[in-house]
Amino acid sequence: MSIPNDQLKAMNKFHLADPSHLKEFDEWALWLAALLHDPCSIFERDGELLLLENKQLVERLNGLKIEVFSKEHSPPHFHVKSPEVDATFAIDDCRKLTGSASSQAVNKIKYWHGFSKQKLIETWNATRPTNCTVGPYNGT
């Protein structure tokens, strides 16, 4: 099921528009600008060009933005951002790897992780480019 172009524009995800559905020059120009400036990259896999978002929003949780980035380092992890939080956490056990977060925020993140680990794993694995040194999550 494809998302209508108007909704993709409103979501700032016009780079995901199907080019076969672009009708006017202005739409083509917006799509090209989105490819060039939105958080996405083009990768080649087995001779096929693939569009990959550099950041994938996993969820918003009480003002926390939880994201997975496509080109990353070990261990598999996720990023949490808010005005008060800028930290990374391991997908495996939700231990804080880097950054700062209050104990209250860490507790919220750990609680969320308990219900959402599978969603994180699926997002991590879906966003791995061919040349990612970490590769898919094979965890415990």
Protein backbone atom coordinates (compact mmCIF):
# COMPACT_ATOMS: atom_id res chain seq x y z
CA MET A 1 0.00 0.00 0.00
CA SER A 2 1.51 3.31 -1.01
CA ILE A 3 1.07 6.55 0.86
CA PRO A 4 -0.40 9.42 -1.22
CA ASN A 5 2.10 12.09 -2.27
CA ASP A 6 0.27 14.80 -0.29
CA GLN A 7 0.71 12.80 2.92
CA LEU A 8 4.39 12.10 2.13
CA LYS A 9 4.94 15.84 1.66
CA ALA A 10 3.22 16.61 4.97
CA MET A 11 5.36 13.97 6.73
CA ASN A 12 8.61 15.35 5.19
CA LYS A 13 9.14 11.96 3.53
CA PHE A 14 8.62 12.91 -0.11
CA HIS A 15 11.82 11.02 -0.98
CA LEU A 16 9.67 7.87 -0.54
CA ALA A 17 7.25 8.92 -3.31
CA ASP A 18 6.92 6.51 -6.21
CA PRO A 19 8.44 8.34 -9.20
CA SER A 20 6.01 6.60 -11.55
CA HIS A 21 3.22 8.60 -9.84
CA LEU A 22 4.86 12.01 -10.30
CA LYS A 23 2.87 13.97 -12.85
CA GLU A 24 4.08 17.56 -12.96
CA PHE A 25 7.48 19.18 -13.19
CA ASP A 26 7.06 20.72 -9.72
CA GLU A 27 6.55 17.28 -8.19
CA TRP A 28 9.68 15.98 -9.92
CA ALA A 29 11.64 18.98 -8.60
CA LEU A 30 10.34 18.40 -5.04
CA TRP A 31 11.15 14.69 -5.26
CA LEU A 32 14.70 15.36 -6.46
CA ALA A 33 15.19 17.97 -3.71
CA ALA A 34 13.92 15.43 -1.17
CA LEU A 35 16.37 12.80 -2.43
CA LEU A 36 19.22 15.29 -2.17
CA HIS A 37 18.35 16.84 1.20
CA ASP A 38 16.20 14.43 3.22
CA PRO A 39 17.88 11.92 5.53
CA CYS A 40 18.29 9.15 2.96
CA SER A 41 20.99 7.51 0.87
CA ILE A 42 21.11 5.42 -2.26
CA PHE A 43 22.93 2.08 -2.00
CA GLU A 44 23.67 -0.55 -4.58
CA ARG A 45 22.87 -4.16 -3.72
CA ASP A 46 23.38 -6.89 -6.32
CA GLY A 47 23.29 -4.31 -9.12
CA GLU A 48 20.02 -2.77 -7.90
CA LEU A 49 19.84 0.78 -6.51
CA LEU A 50 17.99 0.98 -3.19
CA LEU A 51 16.75 3.99 -1.26
CA LEU A 52 17.58 3.79 2.44
CA GLU A 53 16.62 6.30 5.10
CA ASN A 54 19.62 7.33 7.21
CA LYS A 55 17.45 7.73 10.28
CA GLN A 56 14.41 5.65 10.99
CA LEU A 57 12.01 6.93 13.62
CA VAL A 58 11.03 3.94 15.73
CA GLU A 59 8.70 5.74 18.11
CA ARG A 60 7.95 8.90 20.03
CA LEU A 61 7.51 8.33 23.75
CA ASN A 62 6.47 11.17 26.06
CA GLY A 63 8.66 13.69 24.25
CA LEU A 64 11.48 11.21 23.56
CA LYS A 65 12.36 10.52 19.93
CA ILE A 66 13.69 6.98 19.46
CA GLU A 67 15.63 6.41 16.24
CA VAL A 68 17.86 3.91 14.50
CA PHE A 69 20.51 5.13 12.05
CA SER A 70 21.48 3.10 8.99
CA LYS A 71 25.30 3.27 9.00
CA GLU A 72 26.40 2.48 12.52
CA HIS A 73 29.07 0.91 14.68
CA SER A 74 28.91 -1.98 17.15
CA PRO A 75 27.06 -2.87 19.23
CA PRO A 76 23.59 -2.59 17.62
CA HIS A 77 21.96 0.36 19.36
CA PHE A 78 19.31 3.04 19.18
CA HIS A 79 19.39 6.80 19.73
CA VAL A 80 17.11 8.69 22.09
CA LYS A 81 16.72 12.45 21.78
CA SER A 82 14.70 15.13 23.52
CA PRO A 83 15.53 18.55 24.93
CA GLU A 84 16.84 16.78 28.07
CA VAL A 85 18.14 13.51 26.59
CA ASP A 86 20.83 12.75 24.03
CA ALA A 87 21.97 9.18 24.49
CA THR A 88 22.42 5.79 22.85
CA PHE A 89 21.30 2.46 24.27
CA ALA A 90 22.18 -1.13 23.33
CA ILE A 91 19.36 -3.01 21.63
CA ASP A 92 20.39 -6.19 23.42
CA ASP A 93 19.93 -5.14 27.05
CA CYS A 94 19.09 -1.41 26.94
CA ARG A 95 22.27 -0.39 28.76
CA LYS A 96 23.22 3.24 28.18
CA LEU A 97 26.23 3.38 25.88
CA THR A 98 26.86 7.10 25.44
CA GLY A 99 25.37 10.46 26.21
CA SER A 100 23.30 11.89 28.98
CA ALA A 101 19.84 11.10 30.32
CA SER A 102 18.20 11.54 33.69
CA SER A 103 17.43 8.44 35.72
CA GLN A 104 13.73 9.12 35.14
CA ALA A 105 14.26 9.14 31.35
CA VAL A 106 16.40 6.00 31.52
CA ASN A 107 13.65 4.22 33.45
CA LYS A 108 11.06 5.21 30.81
CA ILE A 109 13.36 4.00 28.04
CA LYS A 110 14.00 0.67 29.81
CA TYR A 111 10.29 0.18 30.40
CA TRP A 112 9.57 0.92 26.73
CA HIS A 113 12.42 -1.39 25.63
CA GLY A 114 10.81 -4.29 27.52
CA PHE A 115 7.79 -4.10 25.22
CA SER A 116 9.53 -2.89 22.05
CA LYS A 117 12.78 -4.82 21.67
CA GLN A 118 11.43 -6.81 18.72
CA LYS A 119 10.38 -3.59 16.98
CA LEU A 120 13.92 -2.23 17.49
CA ILE A 121 15.46 -5.42 16.07
CA GLU A 122 13.18 -5.31 13.02
CA THR A 123 13.98 -1.63 12.42
CA TRP A 124 17.72 -2.20 12.89
CA ASN A 125 17.74 -5.13 10.44
CA ALA A 126 15.57 -3.32 7.87
CA THR A 127 17.92 -0.31 7.81
CA ARG A 128 21.27 -2.09 7.34
CA PRO A 129 22.96 -1.03 4.10
CA THR A 130 25.14 -3.54 2.27
CA ASN A 131 28.36 -1.86 3.41
CA CYS A 132 27.39 -1.55 7.10
CA THR A 133 30.19 -3.09 9.15
CA VAL A 134 27.81 -4.18 11.91
CA GLY A 135 25.20 -5.99 9.83
CA PRO A 136 21.89 -7.39 11.06
CA TYR A 137 21.11 -7.94 14.72
CA ASN A 138 21.63 -11.60 15.57
CA GLY A 139 21.36 -11.02 19.32
CA THR A 140 20.52 -13.04 22.29
